[in-house]
Amino acid sequence: MKVDLHLHSNNSDGSDSVQNLYNEICKAKLNVFALTDHDTISGLEEMENLVSSDIKFIKGVELTSLCGDIKCHLLGYGVDYNNLELKNLIEKGKLLRRQKLETRIDYLKDTWNVELTEEEKQWLYSRKSVVKTHVANVLVKRGLAKDNLSAMQKYLDACKTGNTRFSGKDSISAIKNSGGIVVWAHPLGGEGEEHLTKEKFIPKLEKMIDFGIQGLECFYSRYNEDESLLLFEIAQKYNLLVSAGSDYHGANKSNIEIGKLNCDNKIIDYKKITILDILLGK
């Protein structure tokens, strides 16, 4: 069985349309996959209408959240995209992201003397879930950076946007009340972040459990075998579900292929991905 429970389309910060993402999923011969765009559920219905009966599609979302003092991304699996609480939270997120975008546009002008054109602004405003990657795309097209990561590091990372994250309480409530399962995405650290040691991770984990997470993304494209094993053993100890995902963004993240569940691209025994026991029954 080939599984990937963490994929992004251009409804958030992926480069692929839903149709093109589905084409790539078919090429990768996945048996089970989840679409988990950042702070939007816009692509779920379209994907649902595309998927053939021999592939299991898990409707998901990835909510940018703050659990106490812990900045985190919370994956929701098996959500109902018609749920009113979830839809209201997503609408709130659109306003928060628009505020963050305006701050970044002003920062580029005031700090770097880079003023976006009306056409560039309108493209950014048209995104269903605008994120830092989209602004970086504009800078790369301008020739100001060679790729998204270097554009963000040079021009955007120092910009103070304030807290525009969902409260962890609201995120977890919306996921659970829409029928979903809450999983902490890349819990040791995400793209470009320093990975936590076990000693630093456990105190954060115990806080996250108190907030109500139900699982950990133990197998992840940027984690090595030792890191995945550590997370897997911790998940078993704390009776948490185990998830696995590549965090595929198409051309917007380098060297991440669909179905890549560790940095060495080793095959993972799907029986270790314990969340499947629940998701395949949904």
Protein backbone atom coordinates (compact mmCIF):
# COMPACT_ATOMS: atom_id res chain seq x y z
CA MET A 1 0.00 0.00 0.00
CA LYS A 2 1.30 3.48 -0.92
CA VAL A 3 0.19 6.26 1.38
CA ASP A 4 0.68 10.03 1.57
CA LEU A 5 -1.43 11.97 4.06
CA HIS A 6 0.06 15.44 3.55
CA LEU A 7 -0.36 17.05 0.12
CA HIS A 8 -0.92 20.65 -0.98
CA SER A 9 -2.55 22.16 -4.06
CA ASN A 10 -2.53 25.72 -5.36
CA ASN A 11 -5.57 26.42 -3.20
CA SER A 12 -2.90 27.18 -0.60
CA ASP A 13 0.83 27.23 -1.32
CA GLY A 14 1.30 24.25 -3.62
CA SER A 15 2.05 24.78 -7.30
CA ASP A 16 -0.36 22.15 -8.71
CA SER A 17 -4.01 22.67 -9.46
CA VAL A 18 -6.30 20.04 -7.93
CA GLN A 19 -6.58 18.32 -11.31
CA ASN A 20 -2.81 18.29 -11.83
CA LEU A 21 -2.23 17.12 -8.27
CA TYR A 22 -4.61 14.24 -8.84
CA ASN A 23 -2.78 13.36 -12.04
CA GLU A 24 0.48 13.24 -10.08
CA ILE A 25 -1.15 11.10 -7.38
CA CYS A 26 -2.20 8.61 -10.05
CA LYS A 27 1.32 8.59 -11.53
CA ALA A 28 2.72 7.91 -8.05
CA LYS A 29 0.24 5.02 -7.72
CA LEU A 30 -0.97 6.06 -4.28
CA ASN A 31 -3.65 3.90 -2.67
CA VAL A 32 -4.51 6.40 0.08
CA PHE A 33 -3.95 10.17 0.15
CA ALA A 34 -5.11 13.31 1.90
CA LEU A 35 -5.38 16.85 0.55
CA THR A 36 -4.37 19.12 3.44
CA ASP A 37 -4.16 22.69 2.20
CA HIS A 38 -3.20 25.45 4.63
CA ASP A 39 -6.21 27.09 6.27
CA THR A 40 -8.57 26.34 3.40
CA ILE A 41 -10.96 23.58 2.37
CA SER A 42 -11.56 25.02 -1.10
CA GLY A 43 -10.11 22.08 -3.04
CA LEU A 44 -11.78 19.21 -1.20
CA GLU A 45 -15.03 19.05 -3.14
CA GLU A 46 -13.22 19.29 -6.48
CA MET A 47 -10.86 16.48 -5.49
CA GLU A 48 -13.73 14.37 -4.22
CA ASN A 49 -15.35 14.60 -7.65
CA LEU A 50 -12.14 13.55 -9.41
CA VAL A 51 -11.05 10.53 -7.40
CA SER A 52 -11.72 7.08 -8.81
CA SER A 53 -13.25 4.38 -6.64
CA ASP A 54 -10.00 2.40 -6.36
CA ILE A 55 -8.19 5.23 -4.50
CA LYS A 56 -9.06 6.26 -0.95
CA PHE A 57 -9.30 10.04 -0.58
CA ILE A 58 -9.10 11.54 2.92
CA LYS A 59 -10.55 15.04 3.17
CA GLY A 60 -8.15 17.14 5.20
CA VAL A 61 -6.91 20.56 6.21
CA GLU A 62 -3.79 22.01 7.85
CA LEU A 63 -4.53 24.80 10.33
CA THR A 64 -1.83 27.30 11.29
CA SER A 65 -2.25 27.42 15.04
CA LEU A 66 -0.96 28.59 18.41
CA CYS A 67 -1.38 26.18 21.31
CA GLY A 68 -0.38 28.27 24.31
CA ASP A 69 3.15 29.35 23.40
CA ILE A 70 3.65 26.59 20.82
CA LYS A 71 3.49 27.60 17.17
CA CYS A 72 2.26 24.55 15.27
CA HIS A 73 0.43 23.20 12.26
CA LEU A 74 -2.52 20.96 13.02
CA LEU A 75 -3.67 18.46 10.44
CA GLY A 76 -7.34 17.54 10.42
CA TYR A 77 -8.20 14.22 8.77
CA GLY A 78 -11.65 13.10 7.70
CA VAL A 79 -13.24 16.53 8.10
CA ASP A 80 -16.66 17.49 6.77
CA TYR A 81 -16.09 20.53 4.57
CA ASN A 82 -19.73 21.57 5.01
CA ASN A 83 -19.38 21.84 8.79
CA LEU A 84 -20.34 25.36 9.88
CA GLU A 85 -17.78 25.68 12.69
CA LEU A 86 -14.95 24.71 10.35
CA LYS A 87 -16.19 26.99 7.58
CA ASN A 88 -16.46 29.94 9.98
CA LEU A 89 -12.91 29.35 11.21
CA ILE A 90 -11.64 29.24 7.62
CA GLU A 91 -13.37 32.57 6.87
CA LYS A 92 -11.72 34.09 9.94
CA GLY A 93 -8.39 32.80 8.66
CA LYS A 94 -8.85 34.59 5.33
CA LEU A 95 -9.08 37.91 7.15
CA LEU A 96 -6.01 37.11 9.27
CA ARG A 97 -3.98 36.16 6.19
CA ARG A 98 -5.05 39.33 4.36
CA GLN A 99 -3.78 41.40 7.31
CA LYS A 100 -0.47 39.52 7.23
CA LEU A 101 -0.19 40.03 3.46
CA GLU A 102 -0.70 43.80 3.75
CA THR A 103 2.00 43.95 6.45
CA ARG A 104 4.44 42.11 4.17
CA ILE A 105 3.65 44.32 1.18
CA ASP A 106 4.32 47.43 3.29
CA TYR A 107 7.50 45.87 4.69
CA LEU A 108 8.90 45.19 1.21
CA LYS A 109 8.27 48.79 0.22
CA ASP A 110 9.56 50.42 3.42
CA THR A 111 12.55 48.15 4.10
CA TRP A 112 13.67 46.95 0.68
CA ASN A 113 12.21 49.64 -1.61
CA VAL A 114 10.38 46.88 -3.48
CA GLU A 115 6.93 48.14 -4.44
CA LEU A 116 4.55 45.56 -5.86
CA THR A 117 2.59 46.43 -8.98
CA GLU A 118 -1.20 46.42 -9.00
CA GLU A 119 -1.09 43.28 -11.13
CA GLU A 120 1.13 41.52 -8.60
CA LYS A 121 -1.11 42.61 -5.73
CA GLN A 122 -4.24 41.43 -7.51
CA TRP A 123 -2.65 38.02 -8.08
CA LEU A 124 -1.86 37.77 -4.37
CA TYR A 125 -5.35 38.93 -3.39
CA SER A 126 -6.88 36.28 -5.65
CA ARG A 127 -5.24 33.39 -3.73
CA LYS A 128 -7.72 31.38 -1.62
CA SER A 129 -5.16 31.04 1.17
CA VAL A 130 -2.32 33.51 0.62
CA VAL A 131 0.94 32.68 2.41
CA LYS A 132 4.56 33.84 2.49
CA THR A 133 5.42 31.48 -0.38
CA HIS A 134 3.13 33.41 -2.71
CA VAL A 135 4.91 36.69 -1.95
CA ALA A 136 8.23 34.90 -2.46
CA ASN A 137 6.99 33.70 -5.87
CA VAL A 138 6.53 37.32 -6.91
CA LEU A 139 10.07 38.18 -5.81
CA VAL A 140 11.53 35.21 -7.69
CA LYS A 141 9.67 36.25 -10.85
CA ARG A 142 11.16 39.71 -10.41
CA GLY A 143 14.62 38.12 -10.42
CA LEU A 144 15.31 39.22 -6.84
CA ALA A 145 16.01 35.68 -5.62
CA LYS A 146 16.82 32.33 -7.18
CA ASP A 147 14.09 30.39 -5.35
CA ASN A 148 11.28 30.72 -2.82
CA LEU A 149 13.35 29.73 0.19
CA SER A 150 16.10 32.28 -0.43
CA ALA A 151 13.47 34.96 -1.19
CA MET A 152 11.76 34.33 2.13
CA GLN A 153 15.01 34.24 4.07
CA LYS A 154 16.32 37.51 2.62
CA TYR A 155 13.21 39.63 2.19
CA LEU A 156 10.42 38.31 4.40
CA ASP A 157 11.55 36.33 7.44
CA ALA A 158 12.45 39.45 9.43
CA CYS A 159 9.03 41.00 8.85
CA LYS A 160 7.02 41.11 12.08
CA THR A 161 3.41 40.27 11.27
CA GLY A 162 2.12 39.70 14.79
CA ASN A 163 0.05 36.69 15.74
CA THR A 164 -2.34 35.80 12.95
CA ARG A 165 -2.61 32.12 13.89
CA PHE A 166 -5.78 30.37 14.99
CA SER A 167 -5.97 29.55 18.67
CA GLY A 168 -5.19 25.87 19.16
CA LYS A 169 -8.43 25.49 21.08
CA ASP A 170 -10.48 26.80 18.14
CA SER A 171 -8.56 24.70 15.58
CA ILE A 172 -8.94 21.48 17.52
CA SER A 173 -12.60 22.14 18.26
CA ALA A 174 -13.36 22.82 14.58
CA ILE A 175 -11.55 19.68 13.41
CA LYS A 176 -13.16 17.40 15.98
CA ASN A 177 -16.65 18.83 15.61
CA SER A 178 -16.43 18.39 11.83
CA GLY A 179 -15.75 14.69 12.38
CA GLY A 180 -11.98 14.90 11.98
CA ILE A 181 -8.90 13.59 13.76
CA VAL A 182 -6.26 16.07 14.99
CA VAL A 183 -2.61 15.32 14.19
CA TRP A 184 0.40 17.49 14.97
CA ALA A 185 2.21 18.05 11.66
CA HIS A 186 6.03 17.71 11.48
CA PRO A 187 6.25 17.98 15.28
CA LEU A 188 10.05 18.01 15.52
CA GLY A 189 10.16 21.01 13.18
CA GLY A 190 9.04 21.87 9.68
CA GLU A 191 10.69 23.25 6.56
CA GLY A 192 13.83 25.21 7.37
CA GLU A 193 13.40 24.81 11.14
CA GLU A 194 15.87 23.30 13.57
CA HIS A 195 14.67 19.87 14.65
CA LEU A 196 13.90 19.39 18.32
CA THR A 197 15.75 16.91 20.50
CA LYS A 198 13.77 14.43 22.56
CA GLU A 199 14.48 16.47 25.71
CA LYS A 200 12.99 19.63 24.18
CA PHE A 201 10.17 17.81 22.42
CA ILE A 202 8.56 15.93 25.31
CA PRO A 203 7.50 19.01 27.34
CA LYS A 204 5.92 20.52 24.21
CA LEU A 205 4.22 17.22 23.41
CA GLU A 206 2.63 17.00 26.84
CA LYS A 207 1.22 20.52 26.41
CA MET A 208 -0.13 19.56 22.99
CA ILE A 209 -1.78 16.44 24.42
CA ASP A 210 -3.50 18.65 27.01
CA PHE A 211 -4.84 20.76 24.14
CA GLY A 212 -6.32 17.62 22.56
CA ILE A 213 -4.15 16.34 19.74
CA GLN A 214 -4.78 12.72 18.81
CA GLY A 215 -1.76 11.86 16.70
CA LEU A 216 1.72 12.70 15.45
CA GLU A 217 3.11 12.90 11.93
CA CYS A 218 5.93 10.46 12.64
CA PHE A 219 6.96 9.75 9.07
CA TYR A 220 7.81 12.94 7.20
CA SER A 221 9.89 13.77 4.14
CA ARG A 222 12.41 15.90 6.06
CA TYR A 223 12.97 13.41 8.92
CA ASN A 224 15.66 10.75 8.99
CA GLU A 225 15.20 7.19 10.20
CA ASP A 226 16.26 7.96 13.77
CA GLU A 227 13.84 10.90 14.05
CA SER A 228 10.94 8.85 12.68
CA LEU A 229 11.72 5.98 15.05
CA LEU A 230 11.84 8.38 17.98
CA LEU A 231 8.44 9.84 17.10
CA PHE A 232 6.95 6.40 16.48
CA GLU A 233 8.08 5.14 19.88
CA ILE A 234 6.81 8.28 21.60
CA ALA A 235 3.45 7.96 19.85
CA GLN A 236 3.13 4.39 21.14
CA LYS A 237 4.10 5.42 24.67
CA TYR A 238 1.51 8.22 24.77
CA ASN A 239 -1.21 6.23 22.94
CA LEU A 240 -1.22 8.61 19.98
CA LEU A 241 -2.08 7.77 16.39
CA VAL A 242 0.72 7.65 13.82
CA SER A 243 0.46 9.55 10.53
CA ALA A 244 2.76 9.90 7.53
CA GLY A 245 3.11 12.52 4.83
CA SER A 246 5.46 14.09 2.35
CA ASP A 247 4.27 17.71 2.65
CA TYR A 248 4.36 17.85 -1.16
CA HIS A 249 4.03 21.37 -2.62
CA GLY A 250 4.99 20.65 -6.21
CA ALA A 251 7.54 23.14 -7.54
CA ASN A 252 7.21 25.30 -4.43
CA LYS A 253 9.27 22.92 -2.26
CA SER A 254 12.34 21.26 -3.65
CA ASN A 255 13.14 17.56 -3.50
CA ILE A 256 9.79 16.49 -2.08
CA GLU A 257 8.08 13.88 -4.18
CA ILE A 258 4.60 12.49 -3.63
CA GLY A 259 4.87 9.49 -1.34
CA LYS A 260 8.24 10.48 0.14
CA LEU A 261 7.86 9.71 3.85
CA ASN A 262 11.44 10.21 5.06
CA CYS A 263 14.54 12.00 3.83
CA ASP A 264 16.16 8.72 2.75
CA ASN A 265 13.05 7.76 0.75
CA LYS A 266 12.90 4.36 2.42
CA ILE A 267 9.71 2.32 2.19
CA ILE A 268 7.55 2.47 5.32
CA ASP A 269 5.45 -0.47 6.45
CA TYR A 270 1.92 0.93 6.15
CA LYS A 271 0.88 -1.06 9.24
CA LYS A 272 2.94 1.39 11.29
CA ILE A 273 0.68 4.23 10.10
CA THR A 274 -1.94 3.47 12.73
CA ILE A 275 -4.29 6.32 11.80
CA LEU A 276 -5.19 4.29 8.69
CA ASP A 277 -7.15 1.86 10.83
CA ILE A 278 -9.62 4.68 11.50
CA LEU A 279 -9.42 6.59 8.21
CA LEU A 280 -10.00 3.59 5.98
CA GLY A 281 -13.24 2.96 7.85
CA LYS A 282 -14.56 6.47 7.29
